[in-house]
Amino acid sequence: MGHIVKCILIMISLGACNPPIAEPLNQQPRQPVENSALPGLERQLEISLAEELGRPVSIAIDQAKTVDHWQFVCGRPLETDGRPFDYANSRLSTLSAEQLIDDYFCGLFERTAGGPQLRELAVATTDAPIVDWIETYSLPADLFAE
């Protein structure tokens, strides 16, 4: 698949092609995915995010999609009490002060005989790391489509 096509697919899946509007027109806000529907993944994400951010977190999963043996999960890190995560008190404090982060994470899991394995994690990045993931793992494009 050509590089331009991959970029377009990623931009569409991340909503980058949708113009911002002040109020949604007849659209329901995206509901968080019920974390209990993702057995084994939530805890792995919380542990990995805590390692990346330097302190404990909880999570809100906003998107989860499974295609073949791959699962793509995105959401937001939260404080352990459920408040929005304060990046200023994390390993990303410098980037936060410079406003060089986005408040989200995405994880790529592979289902194996031993259970789901976290293969990649992107935390608060302003770029689209899934471009590299597509190439590295030969991922199906459907995994990133809404």
N, C-alpha and C. Protein backbone atom coordinates (compact mmCIF):
# COMPACT_ATOMS: atom_id res chain seq x y z
N MET A 1 0.86 -1.17 0.00
CA MET A 1 0.00 0.00 0.00
C MET A 1 0.90 1.23 0.00
N GLY A 2 0.58 2.19 -0.84
CA GLY A 2 1.41 3.38 -0.96
C GLY A 2 1.39 4.24 0.29
N HIS A 3 2.44 4.99 0.47
CA HIS A 3 2.60 5.84 1.65
C HIS A 3 1.46 6.86 1.75
N ILE A 4 1.06 7.45 0.64
CA ILE A 4 0.01 8.45 0.67
C ILE A 4 -1.31 7.83 1.10
N VAL A 5 -1.62 6.64 0.60
CA VAL A 5 -2.86 5.96 0.98
C VAL A 5 -2.84 5.67 2.47
N LYS A 6 -1.72 5.19 3.00
CA LYS A 6 -1.61 4.92 4.44
C LYS A 6 -1.87 6.18 5.25
N CYS A 7 -1.27 7.27 4.84
CA CYS A 7 -1.44 8.53 5.56
C CYS A 7 -2.90 8.97 5.54
N ILE A 8 -3.55 8.83 4.39
CA ILE A 8 -4.96 9.21 4.29
C ILE A 8 -5.80 8.34 5.21
N LEU A 9 -5.56 7.03 5.21
CA LEU A 9 -6.31 6.13 6.09
C LEU A 9 -6.14 6.52 7.55
N ILE A 10 -4.93 6.84 7.93
CA ILE A 10 -4.65 7.22 9.31
C ILE A 10 -5.34 8.53 9.65
N MET A 11 -5.25 9.50 8.75
CA MET A 11 -5.88 10.79 9.02
C MET A 11 -7.39 10.63 9.16
N ILE A 12 -7.99 9.79 8.32
CA ILE A 12 -9.44 9.58 8.41
C ILE A 12 -9.78 8.90 9.72
N SER A 13 -9.00 7.87 10.10
CA SER A 13 -9.31 7.14 11.33
C SER A 13 -9.14 8.01 12.57
N LEU A 14 -8.25 8.98 12.51
CA LEU A 14 -8.03 9.87 13.65
C LEU A 14 -8.93 11.10 13.60
N GLY A 15 -9.75 11.21 12.55
CA GLY A 15 -10.68 12.33 12.44
C GLY A 15 -10.04 13.60 11.93
N ALA A 16 -8.83 13.49 11.39
CA ALA A 16 -8.12 14.69 10.94
C ALA A 16 -8.76 15.32 9.71
N CYS A 17 -9.58 14.58 8.99
CA CYS A 17 -10.20 15.12 7.78
C CYS A 17 -11.56 15.74 8.05
N ASN A 18 -12.01 15.65 9.26
CA ASN A 18 -13.31 16.23 9.60
C ASN A 18 -13.11 17.66 10.07
N PRO A 19 -13.76 18.63 9.45
CA PRO A 19 -13.58 20.01 9.91
C PRO A 19 -14.19 20.18 11.29
N PRO A 20 -13.54 20.98 12.15
CA PRO A 20 -14.11 21.21 13.47
C PRO A 20 -15.40 22.01 13.35
N ILE A 21 -16.35 21.66 14.18
CA ILE A 21 -17.59 22.41 14.22
C ILE A 21 -17.89 22.74 15.67
N ALA A 22 -18.57 23.85 15.87
CA ALA A 22 -18.84 24.30 17.23
C ALA A 22 -19.75 23.32 17.96
N GLU A 23 -20.79 22.86 17.30
CA GLU A 23 -21.71 21.91 17.92
C GLU A 23 -21.98 20.80 16.93
N PRO A 24 -21.98 19.54 17.39
CA PRO A 24 -22.26 18.45 16.47
C PRO A 24 -23.68 18.57 15.92
N LEU A 25 -23.83 18.23 14.66
CA LEU A 25 -25.13 18.25 14.02
C LEU A 25 -25.70 16.85 14.01
N ASN A 26 -26.71 16.62 14.86
CA ASN A 26 -27.38 15.32 14.94
C ASN A 26 -26.41 14.17 15.14
N GLN A 27 -25.35 14.39 15.87
CA GLN A 27 -24.39 13.33 16.15
C GLN A 27 -24.33 13.11 17.65
N GLN A 28 -24.27 11.85 18.01
CA GLN A 28 -24.09 11.51 19.40
C GLN A 28 -22.61 11.56 19.72
N PRO A 29 -22.23 12.07 20.89
CA PRO A 29 -20.80 12.06 21.25
C PRO A 29 -20.32 10.63 21.36
N ARG A 30 -19.06 10.42 21.04
CA ARG A 30 -18.48 9.08 21.14
C ARG A 30 -18.52 8.64 22.59
N GLN A 31 -19.09 7.49 22.81
CA GLN A 31 -19.19 6.94 24.16
C GLN A 31 -17.94 6.13 24.46
N PRO A 32 -17.44 6.23 25.68
CA PRO A 32 -16.28 5.41 26.04
C PRO A 32 -16.62 3.94 25.88
N VAL A 33 -15.63 3.17 25.46
CA VAL A 33 -15.79 1.73 25.34
C VAL A 33 -15.79 1.16 26.75
N GLU A 34 -16.67 0.25 27.01
CA GLU A 34 -16.72 -0.40 28.33
C GLU A 34 -15.43 -1.19 28.52
N ASN A 35 -14.61 -0.77 29.48
CA ASN A 35 -13.31 -1.40 29.68
C ASN A 35 -13.42 -2.88 29.99
N SER A 36 -14.50 -3.31 30.62
CA SER A 36 -14.64 -4.73 30.94
C SER A 36 -14.77 -5.58 29.68
N ALA A 37 -15.07 -4.93 28.55
CA ALA A 37 -15.16 -5.65 27.28
C ALA A 37 -13.78 -5.95 26.71
N LEU A 38 -12.74 -5.49 27.36
CA LEU A 38 -11.38 -5.66 26.87
C LEU A 38 -10.55 -6.42 27.90
N PRO A 39 -10.88 -7.70 28.14
CA PRO A 39 -10.18 -8.45 29.19
C PRO A 39 -8.69 -8.52 28.93
N GLY A 40 -7.92 -8.27 29.97
CA GLY A 40 -6.48 -8.37 29.89
C GLY A 40 -5.78 -7.14 29.32
N LEU A 41 -6.50 -6.33 28.58
CA LEU A 41 -5.86 -5.19 27.93
C LEU A 41 -5.75 -3.98 28.84
N GLU A 42 -6.81 -3.72 29.59
CA GLU A 42 -6.84 -2.52 30.42
C GLU A 42 -5.67 -2.49 31.40
N ARG A 43 -5.43 -3.57 32.09
CA ARG A 43 -4.34 -3.59 33.09
C ARG A 43 -2.98 -3.44 32.41
N GLN A 44 -2.77 -4.12 31.28
CA GLN A 44 -1.51 -3.97 30.55
C GLN A 44 -1.29 -2.51 30.14
N LEU A 45 -2.34 -1.86 29.68
CA LEU A 45 -2.23 -0.46 29.29
C LEU A 45 -1.90 0.43 30.48
N GLU A 46 -2.59 0.22 31.60
CA GLU A 46 -2.32 1.04 32.78
C GLU A 46 -0.88 0.88 33.26
N ILE A 47 -0.37 -0.34 33.27
CA ILE A 47 1.01 -0.57 33.71
C ILE A 47 1.99 0.09 32.74
N SER A 48 1.79 -0.10 31.45
CA SER A 48 2.71 0.47 30.46
C SER A 48 2.64 1.99 30.45
N LEU A 49 1.43 2.54 30.58
CA LEU A 49 1.31 4.00 30.64
C LEU A 49 1.98 4.56 31.89
N ALA A 50 1.83 3.88 33.02
CA ALA A 50 2.48 4.33 34.26
C ALA A 50 3.99 4.35 34.08
N GLU A 51 4.53 3.35 33.40
CA GLU A 51 5.98 3.33 33.14
C GLU A 51 6.39 4.49 32.25
N GLU A 52 5.61 4.77 31.21
CA GLU A 52 5.93 5.86 30.29
C GLU A 52 5.81 7.23 30.95
N LEU A 53 4.78 7.38 31.78
CA LEU A 53 4.48 8.69 32.37
C LEU A 53 5.12 8.92 33.73
N GLY A 54 5.62 7.85 34.34
CA GLY A 54 6.34 7.99 35.60
C GLY A 54 5.50 7.97 36.85
N ARG A 55 4.22 7.64 36.73
CA ARG A 55 3.36 7.53 37.91
C ARG A 55 2.07 6.80 37.54
N PRO A 56 1.37 6.30 38.55
CA PRO A 56 0.15 5.51 38.29
C PRO A 56 -0.92 6.30 37.54
N VAL A 57 -1.66 5.58 36.70
CA VAL A 57 -2.76 6.16 35.93
C VAL A 57 -3.92 5.18 35.90
N SER A 58 -5.08 5.71 35.57
CA SER A 58 -6.18 4.86 35.14
C SER A 58 -6.46 5.30 33.71
N ILE A 59 -7.40 4.64 33.05
CA ILE A 59 -7.60 4.97 31.64
C ILE A 59 -9.09 5.02 31.29
N ALA A 60 -9.38 5.75 30.22
CA ALA A 60 -10.70 5.75 29.59
C ALA A 60 -10.46 5.33 28.15
N ILE A 61 -11.00 4.20 27.76
CA ILE A 61 -10.83 3.71 26.39
C ILE A 61 -11.96 4.25 25.54
N ASP A 62 -11.61 4.97 24.47
CA ASP A 62 -12.58 5.58 23.59
C ASP A 62 -12.79 4.81 22.29
N GLN A 63 -11.82 4.00 21.92
CA GLN A 63 -11.89 3.28 20.65
C GLN A 63 -11.18 1.96 20.80
N ALA A 64 -11.81 0.91 20.32
CA ALA A 64 -11.17 -0.41 20.30
C ALA A 64 -11.70 -1.17 19.10
N LYS A 65 -10.78 -1.72 18.34
CA LYS A 65 -11.18 -2.46 17.15
C LYS A 65 -10.27 -3.67 16.99
N THR A 66 -10.90 -4.79 16.64
CA THR A 66 -10.17 -6.03 16.42
C THR A 66 -10.34 -6.48 14.98
N VAL A 67 -9.24 -6.80 14.34
CA VAL A 67 -9.24 -7.38 13.00
C VAL A 67 -8.19 -8.48 13.01
N ASP A 68 -8.63 -9.68 12.62
CA ASP A 68 -7.76 -10.85 12.65
C ASP A 68 -7.22 -11.03 14.07
N HIS A 69 -5.91 -11.11 14.22
CA HIS A 69 -5.34 -11.31 15.56
C HIS A 69 -4.76 -10.01 16.14
N TRP A 70 -5.19 -8.88 15.60
CA TRP A 70 -4.71 -7.58 16.07
C TRP A 70 -5.84 -6.80 16.73
N GLN A 71 -5.49 -6.02 17.74
CA GLN A 71 -6.45 -5.13 18.37
C GLN A 71 -5.79 -3.77 18.54
N PHE A 72 -6.51 -2.74 18.09
CA PHE A 72 -6.06 -1.36 18.17
C PHE A 72 -6.95 -0.66 19.20
N VAL A 73 -6.34 -0.06 20.22
CA VAL A 73 -7.07 0.54 21.33
C VAL A 73 -6.55 1.95 21.55
N CYS A 74 -7.46 2.92 21.65
CA CYS A 74 -7.08 4.30 21.94
C CYS A 74 -7.94 4.84 23.06
N GLY A 75 -7.40 5.81 23.76
CA GLY A 75 -8.14 6.43 24.84
C GLY A 75 -7.34 7.55 25.48
N ARG A 76 -7.72 7.86 26.70
CA ARG A 76 -7.07 8.94 27.43
C ARG A 76 -6.57 8.45 28.78
N PRO A 77 -5.36 8.83 29.15
CA PRO A 77 -4.93 8.52 30.52
C PRO A 77 -5.66 9.44 31.48
N LEU A 78 -5.95 8.93 32.66
CA LEU A 78 -6.62 9.69 33.71
C LEU A 78 -5.84 9.57 35.00
N GLU A 79 -6.07 10.50 35.89
CA GLU A 79 -5.54 10.34 37.24
C GLU A 79 -6.23 9.12 37.85
N THR A 80 -5.65 8.55 38.88
CA THR A 80 -6.23 7.35 39.49
C THR A 80 -7.61 7.62 40.09
N ASP A 81 -7.94 8.89 40.34
CA ASP A 81 -9.28 9.21 40.86
C ASP A 81 -10.26 9.57 39.75
N GLY A 82 -9.83 9.43 38.48
CA GLY A 82 -10.72 9.67 37.35
C GLY A 82 -10.65 11.07 36.75
N ARG A 83 -9.91 11.98 37.37
CA ARG A 83 -9.76 13.33 36.81
C ARG A 83 -8.87 13.27 35.57
N PRO A 84 -8.93 14.30 34.70
CA PRO A 84 -8.02 14.36 33.56
C PRO A 84 -6.56 14.27 34.03
N PHE A 85 -5.73 13.60 33.27
CA PHE A 85 -4.34 13.40 33.65
C PHE A 85 -3.57 14.71 33.58
N ASP A 86 -2.74 14.97 34.58
CA ASP A 86 -1.92 16.17 34.66
C ASP A 86 -0.52 15.84 34.16
N TYR A 87 -0.27 16.14 32.91
CA TYR A 87 1.03 15.83 32.30
C TYR A 87 2.15 16.66 32.92
N ALA A 88 1.82 17.79 33.53
CA ALA A 88 2.84 18.64 34.14
C ALA A 88 3.55 17.92 35.28
N ASN A 89 2.89 16.94 35.87
CA ASN A 89 3.49 16.15 36.96
C ASN A 89 3.84 14.74 36.47
N SER A 90 4.43 14.68 35.29
CA SER A 90 4.79 13.38 34.70
C SER A 90 6.14 13.50 34.00
N ARG A 91 6.57 12.42 33.43
CA ARG A 91 7.83 12.43 32.66
C ARG A 91 7.72 13.30 31.40
N LEU A 92 6.50 13.66 31.04
CA LEU A 92 6.29 14.50 29.86
C LEU A 92 6.07 15.97 30.22
N SER A 93 6.52 16.36 31.41
CA SER A 93 6.26 17.73 31.89
C SER A 93 6.86 18.79 30.96
N THR A 94 8.04 18.58 30.44
CA THR A 94 8.66 19.57 29.55
C THR A 94 7.85 19.72 28.28
N LEU A 95 7.47 18.59 27.68
CA LEU A 95 6.65 18.65 26.47
C LEU A 95 5.29 19.28 26.77
N SER A 96 4.75 18.99 27.93
CA SER A 96 3.46 19.56 28.32
C SER A 96 3.58 21.07 28.44
N ALA A 97 4.65 21.56 29.06
CA ALA A 97 4.85 23.00 29.23
C ALA A 97 4.97 23.70 27.89
N GLU A 98 5.51 22.99 26.91
CA GLU A 98 5.67 23.55 25.57
C GLU A 98 4.46 23.25 24.68
N GLN A 99 3.44 22.64 25.25
CA GLN A 99 2.21 22.26 24.55
C GLN A 99 2.50 21.39 23.32
N LEU A 100 3.39 20.43 23.51
CA LEU A 100 3.77 19.53 22.43
C LEU A 100 3.25 18.11 22.64
N ILE A 101 2.10 18.00 23.28
CA ILE A 101 1.51 16.68 23.49
C ILE A 101 0.02 16.73 23.15
N ASP A 102 -0.51 15.56 22.82
CA ASP A 102 -1.95 15.38 22.67
C ASP A 102 -2.41 14.45 23.77
N ASP A 103 -3.57 14.70 24.32
CA ASP A 103 -4.08 13.94 25.45
C ASP A 103 -4.73 12.64 24.98
N TYR A 104 -3.90 11.68 24.59
CA TYR A 104 -4.42 10.38 24.19
C TYR A 104 -3.29 9.37 24.22
N PHE A 105 -3.69 8.13 24.10
CA PHE A 105 -2.73 7.04 23.89
C PHE A 105 -3.35 6.08 22.90
N CYS A 106 -2.52 5.33 22.23
CA CYS A 106 -2.98 4.23 21.38
C CYS A 106 -2.06 3.04 21.61
N GLY A 107 -2.67 1.88 21.69
CA GLY A 107 -1.91 0.66 21.87
C GLY A 107 -2.26 -0.35 20.80
N LEU A 108 -1.29 -1.13 20.41
CA LEU A 108 -1.47 -2.20 19.44
C LEU A 108 -1.21 -3.52 20.15
N PHE A 109 -2.22 -4.36 20.18
CA PHE A 109 -2.13 -5.67 20.82
C PHE A 109 -2.18 -6.76 19.76
N GLU A 110 -1.45 -7.83 20.04
CA GLU A 110 -1.54 -9.02 19.21
C GLU A 110 -2.06 -10.16 20.08
N ARG A 111 -3.10 -10.83 19.60
CA ARG A 111 -3.61 -11.98 20.34
C ARG A 111 -2.69 -13.16 20.06
N THR A 112 -2.18 -13.76 21.12
CA THR A 112 -1.30 -14.92 21.02
C THR A 112 -1.88 -16.04 21.86
N ALA A 113 -1.27 -17.22 21.78
CA ALA A 113 -1.73 -18.35 22.59
C ALA A 113 -1.66 -18.02 24.08
N GLY A 114 -0.73 -17.18 24.47
CA GLY A 114 -0.58 -16.78 25.87
C GLY A 114 -1.46 -15.60 26.27
N GLY A 115 -2.31 -15.13 25.37
CA GLY A 115 -3.17 -13.98 25.65
C GLY A 115 -2.71 -12.76 24.88
N PRO A 116 -3.40 -11.65 25.06
CA PRO A 116 -3.04 -10.44 24.31
C PRO A 116 -1.69 -9.88 24.77
N GLN A 117 -0.88 -9.51 23.79
CA GLN A 117 0.44 -8.94 24.07
C GLN A 117 0.50 -7.53 23.51
N LEU A 118 0.89 -6.57 24.34
CA LEU A 118 1.05 -5.20 23.89
C LEU A 118 2.32 -5.12 23.05
N ARG A 119 2.17 -4.81 21.77
CA ARG A 119 3.32 -4.72 20.86
C ARG A 119 3.83 -3.29 20.71
N GLU A 120 2.93 -2.32 20.74
CA GLU A 120 3.31 -0.92 20.57
C GLU A 120 2.43 -0.05 21.45
N LEU A 121 2.99 1.06 21.90
CA LEU A 121 2.23 2.03 22.68
C LEU A 121 2.72 3.43 22.31
N ALA A 122 1.78 4.29 21.95
CA ALA A 122 2.08 5.69 21.67
C ALA A 122 1.36 6.51 22.73
N VAL A 123 2.09 7.37 23.40
CA VAL A 123 1.52 8.16 24.49
C VAL A 123 1.71 9.65 24.20
N ALA A 124 0.60 10.36 24.09
CA ALA A 124 0.60 11.82 23.98
C ALA A 124 1.38 12.35 22.80
N THR A 125 1.58 11.54 21.78
CA THR A 125 2.36 11.98 20.62
C THR A 125 1.54 12.89 19.72
N THR A 126 2.22 13.78 19.04
CA THR A 126 1.55 14.67 18.10
C THR A 126 1.69 14.17 16.68
N ASP A 127 2.41 13.08 16.50
CA ASP A 127 2.52 12.50 15.16
C ASP A 127 1.64 11.25 15.07
N ALA A 128 1.73 10.54 13.98
CA ALA A 128 0.91 9.35 13.76
C ALA A 128 1.82 8.11 13.72
N PRO A 129 2.13 7.54 14.87
CA PRO A 129 3.05 6.40 14.90
C PRO A 129 2.50 5.17 14.22
N ILE A 130 1.17 5.13 14.00
CA ILE A 130 0.62 3.93 13.40
C ILE A 130 1.07 3.74 11.96
N VAL A 131 1.60 4.78 11.33
CA VAL A 131 2.17 4.61 9.98
C VAL A 131 3.28 3.57 10.05
N ASP A 132 4.16 3.71 11.02
CA ASP A 132 5.25 2.74 11.18
C ASP A 132 4.72 1.37 11.58
N TRP A 133 3.69 1.34 12.41
CA TRP A 133 3.12 0.07 12.85
C TRP A 133 2.57 -0.72 11.68
N ILE A 134 1.90 -0.02 10.76
CA ILE A 134 1.33 -0.68 9.58
C ILE A 134 2.41 -1.41 8.82
N GLU A 135 3.53 -0.74 8.61
CA GLU A 135 4.63 -1.35 7.86
C GLU A 135 5.33 -2.44 8.66
N THR A 136 5.62 -2.18 9.92
CA THR A 136 6.35 -3.13 10.75
C THR A 136 5.63 -4.46 10.89
N TYR A 137 4.31 -4.39 11.08
CA TYR A 137 3.53 -5.61 11.37
C TYR A 137 2.64 -6.05 10.21
N SER A 138 2.71 -5.37 9.08
CA SER A 138 1.83 -5.67 7.93
C SER A 138 0.37 -5.71 8.37
N LEU A 139 -0.06 -4.68 9.04
CA LEU A 139 -1.40 -4.63 9.63
C LEU A 139 -2.47 -4.40 8.56
N PRO A 140 -3.66 -4.98 8.76
CA PRO A 140 -4.76 -4.73 7.83
C PRO A 140 -5.28 -3.30 7.98
N ALA A 141 -5.57 -2.63 6.88
CA ALA A 141 -6.05 -1.25 6.91
C ALA A 141 -7.37 -1.14 7.66
N ASP A 142 -8.18 -2.19 7.64
CA ASP A 142 -9.47 -2.19 8.34
C ASP A 142 -9.31 -1.96 9.85
N LEU A 143 -8.16 -2.26 10.38
CA LEU A 143 -7.93 -2.11 11.80
C LEU A 143 -8.07 -0.65 12.25
N PHE A 144 -7.81 0.28 11.34
CA PHE A 144 -7.81 1.70 11.69
C PHE A 144 -9.01 2.45 11.15
N ALA A 145 -9.89 1.78 10.44
CA ALA A 145 -11.10 2.43 9.90
C ALA A 145 -12.17 2.48 10.98
N GLU A 146 -12.96 3.54 10.96
CA GLU A 146 -14.04 3.65 11.96
C GLU A 146 -15.27 2.93 11.46
